[in-house]
Structures are given as C-alpha cells and as structure tokens.
C-alpha atoms as a PDB file:
ATOM      1  CA  UNK A   1    -138.782 170.972 -32.794  1.00  0.00           C
ATOM      2  CA  UNK A   2    -138.663 174.065 -34.660  1.00  0.00           C
ATOM      3  CA  UNK A   3    -139.998 177.036 -31.591  1.00  0.00           C
ATOM      4  CA  UNK A   4    -140.489 180.458 -30.662  1.00  0.00           C
ATOM      5  CA  UNK A   5    -141.486 182.800 -27.837  1.00  0.00           C
ATOM      6  CA  UNK A   6    -142.143 186.644 -27.486  1.00  0.00           C
ATOM      7  CA  UNK A   7    -143.506 188.026 -24.402  1.00  0.00           C
ATOM      8  CA  UNK A   8    -144.097 191.109 -22.123  1.00  0.00           C
ATOM      9  CA  UNK A   9    -144.515 191.750 -18.503  1.00  0.00           C
ATOM     10  CA  UNK A  10    -145.428 194.577 -16.716  1.00  0.00           C
ATOM     11  CA  UNK A  11    -144.613 195.152 -12.794  1.00  0.00           C
ATOM     12  CA  UNK A  12    -145.691 198.099 -10.323  1.00  0.00           C
ATOM     13  CA  UNK A  13    -148.261 199.203  -7.527  1.00  0.00           C
ATOM     14  CA  UNK A  14    -149.006 196.143  -6.275  1.00  0.00           C
ATOM     15  CA  UNK A  15    -149.323 194.106  -9.866  1.00  0.00           C
ATOM     16  CA  UNK A  16    -147.427 191.681 -12.111  1.00  0.00           C
ATOM     17  CA  UNK A  17    -148.730 190.911 -15.438  1.00  0.00           C
ATOM     18  CA  UNK A  18    -147.890 189.091 -18.330  1.00  0.00           C
ATOM     19  CA  UNK A  19    -148.779 187.871 -21.777  1.00  0.00           C
ATOM     20  CA  UNK A  20    -146.868 185.843 -24.184  1.00  0.00           C
ATOM     21  CA  UNK A  21    -147.776 184.218 -27.459  1.00  0.00           C
ATOM     22  CA  UNK A  22    -145.722 181.059 -28.556  1.00  0.00           C
ATOM     23  CA  UNK A  23    -145.410 178.875 -31.470  1.00  0.00           C
ATOM     24  CA  UNK A  24    -143.746 175.114 -32.215  1.00  0.00           C
ATOM     25  CA  UNK A  25    -143.393 173.068 -35.166  1.00  0.00           C
ATOM     26  CA  UNK A  26    -142.972 169.487 -34.571  1.00  0.00           C
ATOM     27  CA  UNK A  27    -141.485 166.681 -37.027  1.00  0.00           C
ATOM     28  CA  UNK A  28    -141.423 163.155 -36.171  1.00  0.00           C
ATOM     29  CA  UNK A  29    -143.006 162.887 -33.609  1.00  0.00           C
ATOM     30  CA  UNK A  30    -143.292 159.541 -31.431  1.00  0.00           C
ATOM     31  CA  UNK A  31    -146.764 157.870 -31.364  1.00  0.00           C
ATOM     32  CA  UNK A  32    -148.641 154.550 -31.151  1.00  0.00           C
ATOM     33  CA  UNK A  33    -150.081 153.699 -34.822  1.00  0.00           C
ATOM     34  CA  UNK A  34    -151.601 151.271 -36.364  1.00  0.00           C
ATOM     35  CA  UNK A  35    -151.131 149.854 -39.270  1.00  0.00           C
ATOM     36  CA  UNK A  36    -151.858 147.067 -41.529  1.00  0.00           C
ATOM     37  CA  UNK A  37    -149.619 144.133 -41.246  1.00  0.00           C
ATOM     38  CA  UNK A  38    -148.447 142.036 -44.193  1.00  0.00           C
ATOM     39  CA  UNK A  39    -152.539 139.905 -43.258  1.00  0.00           C
ATOM     40  CA  UNK A  40    -153.595 143.227 -43.579  1.00  0.00           C
ATOM     41  CA  UNK A  41    -154.597 143.226 -39.936  1.00  0.00           C
ATOM     42  CA  UNK A  42    -154.140 146.265 -38.309  1.00  0.00           C
ATOM     43  CA  UNK A  43    -151.148 146.213 -35.337  1.00  0.00           C
ATOM     44  CA  UNK A  44    -149.229 148.799 -32.840  1.00  0.00           C
ATOM     45  CA  UNK A  45    -146.463 150.283 -34.515  1.00  0.00           C
ATOM     46  CA  UNK A  46    -144.064 152.644 -32.419  1.00  0.00           C
ATOM     47  CA  UNK A  47    -143.381 155.201 -35.130  1.00  0.00           C
ATOM     48  CA  UNK A  48    -141.266 158.845 -35.611  1.00  0.00           C
ATOM     49  CA  UNK A  49    -143.690 159.967 -38.118  1.00  0.00           C
ATOM     50  CA  UNK A  50    -145.973 162.455 -37.270  1.00  0.00           C
ATOM     51  CA  UNK A  51    -145.805 166.069 -37.289  1.00  0.00           C
ATOM     52  CA  UNK A  52    -147.691 168.752 -35.799  1.00  0.00           C
ATOM     53  CA  UNK A  53    -148.227 172.551 -35.104  1.00  0.00           C
ATOM     54  CA  UNK A  54    -148.800 173.850 -31.768  1.00  0.00           C
ATOM     55  CA  UNK A  55    -149.162 178.297 -30.861  1.00  0.00           C
ATOM     56  CA  UNK A  56    -151.248 180.075 -28.377  1.00  0.00           C
ATOM     57  CA  UNK A  57    -150.793 182.849 -26.143  1.00  0.00           C
ATOM     58  CA  UNK A  58    -150.989 182.660 -22.497  1.00  0.00           C
ATOM     59  CA  UNK A  59    -151.601 185.723 -20.089  1.00  0.00           C
ATOM     60  CA  UNK A  60    -150.969 186.018 -16.017  1.00  0.00           C
ATOM     61  CA  UNK A  61    -151.897 188.663 -13.653  1.00  0.00           C
ATOM     62  CA  UNK A  62    -151.349 188.590 -10.193  1.00  0.00           C
ATOM     63  CA  UNK A  63    -152.344 191.650  -8.183  1.00  0.00           C
ATOM     64  CA  UNK A  64    -151.803 192.304  -4.325  1.00  0.00           C
ATOM     65  CA  UNK A  65    -155.176 194.302  -2.897  1.00  0.00           C
ATOM     66  CA  UNK A  66    -154.224 194.389   0.630  1.00  0.00           C
ATOM     67  CA  UNK A  67    -150.978 193.556   2.454  1.00  0.00           C
ATOM     68  CA  UNK A  68    -153.002 190.679   3.754  1.00  0.00           C
ATOM     69  CA  UNK A  69    -154.650 189.635   0.024  1.00  0.00           C
ATOM     70  CA  UNK A  70    -153.666 188.719  -2.850  1.00  0.00           C
ATOM     71  CA  UNK A  71    -155.344 187.580  -6.343  1.00  0.00           C
ATOM     72  CA  UNK A  72    -153.842 185.653  -9.078  1.00  0.00           C
ATOM     73  CA  UNK A  73    -154.873 183.903 -12.460  1.00  0.00           C
ATOM     74  CA  UNK A  74    -153.877 182.648 -15.744  1.00  0.00           C
ATOM     75  CA  UNK A  75    -155.178 181.624 -18.865  1.00  0.00           C
ATOM     76  CA  UNK A  76    -154.120 179.650 -21.890  1.00  0.00           C
ATOM     77  CA  UNK A  77    -155.266 179.890 -25.561  1.00  0.00           C
ATOM     78  CA  UNK A  78    -154.071 176.845 -26.836  1.00  0.00           C
ATOM     79  CA  UNK A  79    -153.899 175.271 -31.116  1.00  0.00           C
ATOM     80  CA  UNK A  80    -152.169 172.210 -30.656  1.00  0.00           C
ATOM     81  CA  UNK A  81    -153.365 170.029 -34.056  1.00  0.00           C
ATOM     82  CA  UNK A  82    -151.483 166.670 -35.783  1.00  0.00           C
ATOM     83  CA  UNK A  83    -150.356 167.918 -39.641  1.00  0.00           C
ATOM     84  CA  UNK A  84    -149.071 164.641 -40.802  1.00  0.00           C
ATOM     85  CA  UNK A  85    -150.120 161.408 -39.402  1.00  0.00           C
ATOM     86  CA  UNK A  86    -152.013 158.640 -41.077  1.00  0.00           C
ATOM     87  CA  UNK A  87    -153.208 155.177 -39.504  1.00  0.00           C
ATOM     88  CA  UNK A  88    -156.126 152.552 -38.656  1.00  0.00           C
ATOM     89  CA  UNK A  89    -158.229 153.811 -35.341  1.00  0.00           C
ATOM     90  CA  UNK A  90    -158.177 150.877 -33.573  1.00  0.00           C
ATOM     91  CA  UNK A  91    -162.241 151.736 -32.339  1.00  0.00           C
ATOM     92  CA  UNK A  92    -163.541 151.519 -36.446  1.00  0.00           C
ATOM     93  CA  UNK A  93    -161.207 149.757 -38.250  1.00  0.00           C
ATOM     94  CA  UNK A  94    -163.658 148.811 -40.885  1.00  0.00           C
ATOM     95  CA  UNK A  95    -162.628 152.348 -42.165  1.00  0.00           C
ATOM     96  CA  UNK A  96    -159.142 151.171 -42.915  1.00  0.00           C
ATOM     97  CA  UNK A  97    -156.032 153.626 -43.065  1.00  0.00           C
ATOM     98  CA  UNK A  98    -157.428 157.611 -42.787  1.00  0.00           C
ATOM     99  CA  UNK A  99    -155.817 160.860 -42.549  1.00  0.00           C
ATOM    100  CA  UNK A 100    -155.752 162.156 -38.903  1.00  0.00           C
ATOM    101  CA  UNK A 101    -154.522 165.477 -40.171  1.00  0.00           C
ATOM    102  CA  UNK A 102    -155.840 168.330 -37.838  1.00  0.00           C
ATOM    103  CA  UNK A 103    -157.025 165.961 -35.131  1.00  0.00           C
ATOM    104  CA  UNK A 104    -156.384 167.677 -31.698  1.00  0.00           C
ATOM    105  CA  UNK A 105    -152.931 166.565 -29.841  1.00  0.00           C
ATOM    106  CA  UNK A 106    -153.514 164.274 -27.044  1.00  0.00           C
ATOM    107  CA  UNK A 107    -154.328 166.427 -23.289  1.00  0.00           C
ATOM    108  CA  UNK A 108    -154.087 169.442 -25.133  1.00  0.00           C
ATOM    109  CA  UNK A 109    -157.249 171.372 -24.525  1.00  0.00           C
ATOM    110  CA  UNK A 110    -158.326 174.589 -26.253  1.00  0.00           C
ATOM    111  CA  UNK A 111    -158.584 176.521 -23.243  1.00  0.00           C
ATOM    112  CA  UNK A 112    -156.868 176.318 -19.759  1.00  0.00           C
ATOM    113  CA  UNK A 113    -157.810 178.661 -16.538  1.00  0.00           C
ATOM    114  CA  UNK A 114    -156.599 179.149 -12.997  1.00  0.00           C
ATOM    115  CA  UNK A 115    -158.299 181.865 -10.767  1.00  0.00           C
ATOM    116  CA  UNK A 116    -157.101 182.115  -7.007  1.00  0.00           C
ATOM    117  CA  UNK A 117    -156.636 183.906  -3.600  1.00  0.00           C
ATOM    118  CA  UNK A 118    -153.811 184.279  -0.924  1.00  0.00           C
ATOM    119  CA  UNK A 119    -154.537 185.813   2.538  1.00  0.00           C
ATOM    120  CA  UNK A 120    -151.786 186.128   5.540  1.00  0.00           C
ATOM    121  CA  UNK A 121    -153.875 187.983   8.257  1.00  0.00           C
ATOM    122  CA  UNK A 122    -152.053 188.694  11.944  1.00  0.00           C
ATOM    123  CA  UNK A 123    -154.321 187.086  14.196  1.00  0.00           C
ATOM    124  CA  UNK A 124    -152.313 187.122  17.536  1.00  0.00           C
ATOM    125  CA  UNK A 125    -148.459 188.783  18.529  1.00  0.00           C
ATOM    126  CA  UNK A 126    -146.828 185.664  17.276  1.00  0.00           C
ATOM    127  CA  UNK A 127    -149.626 184.225  14.893  1.00  0.00           C
ATOM    128  CA  UNK A 128    -151.061 185.049  11.443  1.00  0.00           C
ATOM    129  CA  UNK A 129    -153.699 182.938   9.246  1.00  0.00           C
ATOM    130  CA  UNK A 130    -153.339 181.685   6.404  1.00  0.00           C
ATOM    131  CA  UNK A 131    -155.795 180.804   3.646  1.00  0.00           C
ATOM    132  CA  UNK A 132    -154.893 179.895  -0.357  1.00  0.00           C
ATOM    133  CA  UNK A 133    -158.415 179.164  -2.716  1.00  0.00           C
ATOM    134  CA  UNK A 134    -157.537 178.266  -6.534  1.00  0.00           C
ATOM    135  CA  UNK A 135    -160.158 176.944  -8.843  1.00  0.00           C
ATOM    136  CA  UNK A 136    -158.362 175.093 -12.417  1.00  0.00           C
ATOM    137  CA  UNK A 137    -160.378 174.836 -15.587  1.00  0.00           C
ATOM    138  CA  UNK A 138    -159.891 173.271 -18.833  1.00  0.00           C
ATOM    139  CA  UNK A 139    -162.273 172.921 -21.661  1.00  0.00           C
ATOM    140  CA  UNK A 140    -162.803 169.045 -23.579  1.00  0.00           C
ATOM    141  CA  UNK A 141    -159.313 167.693 -24.431  1.00  0.00           C
ATOM    142  CA  UNK A 142    -158.667 163.952 -26.092  1.00  0.00           C
ATOM    143  CA  UNK A 143    -156.836 161.124 -24.838  1.00  0.00           C
ATOM    144  CA  UNK A 144    -155.243 160.030 -28.177  1.00  0.00           C
ATOM    145  CA  UNK A 145    -154.746 161.206 -31.667  1.00  0.00           C
ATOM    146  CA  UNK A 146    -157.623 159.735 -32.671  1.00  0.00           C
ATOM    147  CA  UNK A 147    -160.094 161.884 -31.536  1.00  0.00           C
ATOM    148  CA  UNK A 148    -162.689 159.785 -30.868  1.00  0.00           C
ATOM    149  CA  UNK A 149    -165.636 160.807 -28.225  1.00  0.00           C
ATOM    150  CA  UNK A 150    -165.084 157.673 -26.337  1.00  0.00           C
ATOM    151  CA  UNK A 151    -161.560 158.641 -25.369  1.00  0.00           C
ATOM    152  CA  UNK A 152    -162.206 162.415 -24.453  1.00  0.00           C
ATOM    153  CA  UNK A 153    -163.264 164.033 -21.429  1.00  0.00           C
ATOM    154  CA  UNK A 154    -165.693 167.057 -21.339  1.00  0.00           C
ATOM    155  CA  UNK A 155    -164.633 170.236 -19.891  1.00  0.00           C
ATOM    156  CA  UNK A 156    -164.631 170.814 -16.406  1.00  0.00           C
ATOM    157  CA  UNK A 157    -163.437 172.813 -13.076  1.00  0.00           C
ATOM    158  CA  UNK A 158    -161.225 171.598  -9.730  1.00  0.00           C
ATOM    159  CA  UNK A 159    -161.218 173.587  -6.951  1.00  0.00           C
ATOM    160  CA  UNK A 160    -158.476 173.266  -3.885  1.00  0.00           C
ATOM    161  CA  UNK A 161    -158.785 175.138  -0.752  1.00  0.00           C
ATOM    162  CA  UNK A 162    -156.579 175.371   2.085  1.00  0.00           C
ATOM    163  CA  UNK A 163    -156.380 177.233   5.757  1.00  0.00           C
ATOM    164  CA  UNK A 164    -154.582 177.306   8.871  1.00  0.00           C
ATOM    165  CA  UNK A 165    -151.909 179.220  10.791  1.00  0.00           C
ATOM    166  CA  UNK A 166    -148.261 180.185  11.045  1.00  0.00           C
ATOM    167  CA  UNK A 167    -146.661 181.967  13.027  1.00  0.00           C
ATOM    168  CA  UNK A 168    -144.684 185.153  11.847  1.00  0.00           C
ATOM    169  CA  UNK A 169    -141.494 183.669  11.411  1.00  0.00           C
ATOM    170  CA  UNK A 170    -142.486 181.209   8.849  1.00  0.00           C
ATOM    171  CA  UNK A 171    -141.385 177.991  10.367  1.00  0.00           C
ATOM    172  CA  UNK A 172    -143.961 176.397  11.846  1.00  0.00           C
ATOM    173  CA  UNK A 173    -146.957 176.052  10.172  1.00  0.00           C
ATOM    174  CA  UNK A 174    -150.500 173.846  10.333  1.00  0.00           C
ATOM    175  CA  UNK A 175    -152.896 173.790   8.056  1.00  0.00           C
ATOM    176  CA  UNK A 176    -156.171 171.696   6.549  1.00  0.00           C
ATOM    177  CA  UNK A 177    -157.136 170.717   3.148  1.00  0.00           C
ATOM    178  CA  UNK A 178    -159.883 170.065   0.643  1.00  0.00           C
ATOM    179  CA  UNK A 179    -158.337 169.006  -2.616  1.00  0.00           C
ATOM    180  CA  UNK A 180    -161.203 168.731  -5.240  1.00  0.00           C
ATOM    181  CA  UNK A 181    -163.167 169.925  -2.657  1.00  0.00           C
ATOM    182  CA  UNK A 182    -166.162 169.619  -4.486  1.00  0.00           C
ATOM    183  CA  UNK A 183    -165.617 166.083  -5.409  1.00  0.00           C
ATOM    184  CA  UNK A 184    -165.765 166.492  -8.819  1.00  0.00           C
ATOM    185  CA  UNK A 185    -165.641 163.492 -11.331  1.00  0.00           C
ATOM    186  CA  UNK A 186    -163.774 162.852 -14.237  1.00  0.00           C
ATOM    187  CA  UNK A 187    -161.310 160.969 -16.072  1.00  0.00           C
ATOM    188  CA  UNK A 188    -157.305 161.460 -15.970  1.00  0.00           C
ATOM    189  CA  UNK A 189    -156.812 159.070 -18.760  1.00  0.00           C
ATOM    190  CA  UNK A 190    -158.941 156.684 -21.167  1.00  0.00           C
ATOM    191  CA  UNK A 191    -157.946 153.986 -23.581  1.00  0.00           C
ATOM    192  CA  UNK A 192    -159.719 152.509 -26.295  1.00  0.00           C
ATOM    193  CA  UNK A 193    -159.034 148.656 -26.680  1.00  0.00           C
ATOM    194  CA  UNK A 194    -161.136 148.307 -30.057  1.00  0.00           C
ATOM    195  CA  UNK A 195    -159.447 145.689 -31.627  1.00  0.00           C
ATOM    196  CA  UNK A 196    -159.286 143.466 -28.523  1.00  0.00           C
ATOM    197  CA  UNK A 197    -162.777 143.818 -27.148  1.00  0.00           C
ATOM    198  CA  UNK A 198    -164.382 146.664 -28.039  1.00  0.00           C
ATOM    199  CA  UNK A 199    -164.406 148.729 -25.332  1.00  0.00           C
ATOM    200  CA  UNK A 200    -162.577 151.454 -23.330  1.00  0.00           C
ATOM    201  CA  UNK A 201    -160.599 151.319 -20.136  1.00  0.00           C
ATOM    202  CA  UNK A 202    -160.673 154.611 -18.194  1.00  0.00           C
ATOM    203  CA  UNK A 203    -158.373 156.187 -14.898  1.00  0.00           C
ATOM    204  CA  UNK A 204    -160.822 157.991 -12.823  1.00  0.00           C
ATOM    205  CA  UNK A 205    -159.060 161.461 -11.861  1.00  0.00           C
ATOM    206  CA  UNK A 206    -158.531 161.711  -7.208  1.00  0.00           C
ATOM    207  CA  UNK A 207    -161.938 162.436  -5.573  1.00  0.00           C
ATOM    208  CA  UNK A 208    -162.168 164.585  -2.537  1.00  0.00           C
ATOM    209  CA  UNK A 209    -159.101 164.496  -0.240  1.00  0.00           C
ATOM    210  CA  UNK A 210    -159.038 166.329   2.465  1.00  0.00           C
ATOM    211  CA  UNK A 211    -156.679 166.540   5.196  1.00  0.00           C
ATOM    212  CA  UNK A 212    -153.993 168.443   7.703  1.00  0.00           C
ATOM    213  CA  UNK A 213    -150.741 169.305   7.079  1.00  0.00           C
ATOM    214  CA  UNK A 214    -148.305 170.251  10.074  1.00  0.00           C
ATOM    215  CA  UNK A 215    -144.718 171.105   8.792  1.00  0.00           C
ATOM    216  CA  UNK A 216    -141.559 172.254  10.713  1.00  0.00           C
ATOM    217  CA  UNK A 217    -138.587 174.544   9.176  1.00  0.00           C
ATOM    218  CA  UNK A 218    -134.871 174.038  10.525  1.00  0.00           C
END
C-alpha cells in the first residue's frame, strides 16, 4: 500500500477542530475469489491479486460549551473502490467470469458520522453527575467485493447512552448504560452461500443492551 495524508488542526477558546484528507493505493489485496477450476466449475481461491484505491476526507470538532458540557462530532467521507479484480460471483455463477472494477470495498460505507455530548455536573460536596450520549450513523455498505444487494446493509444509526455518579477525585464511579438504546436491528455480517444452497447467512448486530457498571481505581 502507498498512502499519504495531510491535515490541519486548530485549538483555542474551548474548541478543538481538525480536517484531514487521505489517499491510499493498494495492490495485491488478498481476496477469496471464485474462479473456474479445470472442470469449469467455480471454486474459491485465496489470491493476492486485487488492486484498490481509497481516498476521502475526515473532519472532527470538540467544543467545550461550559465547564460541565462538551459536544463532539466527526464525519468521514470515503471513496473505496476495487480497481483491478475479476472472478465469478457465487450468487450469479451463470454470468461467468466478470470484472469487479469500481465495486466498493467490503465494510466501507461512503459516509460515517458520530455526534455526542459529555457532561459532568457537581451535585454535592464530593459527588458529580456524569452523562454521555453518542449517535453513530453510517451509510449503506457491502460485506464482500461482489456488491450484491443480498450482502448489503442499508444506512442505520445506533444511539448509546450512559449516566451515573462519581466522586470528585474520580476513583469511584457508578453508571447505568444503554447501548443501542433504540434497539436498532441491523446485520453485522452477511455471506452468500450461492453455489451451495442459494441462500444468505447473516449475523444480526447486538440488540439493546443495558446494565450497571461500578468502578474503583486503586
């Protein structure tokens, strides 16, 4: 991989912000490619043959609103495409060997963003309320280089919440949390088993998860 990155960062007045542009040129990416064997039947081969190009821009802002409230966010715009790969799509083997050039790289959404807030507010002589909320969103992505709709995941967002108390020294803390608080259903992985069963295997992302944390730093 040949890669380059350039950026700018500013700080002052309770604000921290940065912007970065990046570019990467990959060659000999290892992929699981289906190619015709001696009998003409597609079979999986792990080969170092694909090329890809990745470039984009990332921005981040961290703003201290008050002594007790901080807002933060970041966004990434990404272009990640195969530039040299060919093989047989296991979901549509009847199409034969085809080019996958311009297909998106796996797990590379065009847009990713996070928006959140932190708060720490004294409520007693030796006690502070603490809270955190963050919302992570991403656009549509594919789980393999074939870019079939059956192995894609549409745009979705996940909200995580956390609140509790800690002493002012910070060595004791008790919080309640709710990860994926809105119970968003999404797939964390998908795999087509087209050649074998004409079906798709998927792993569902974690549902709403809540609990209590108690921490002590010695």
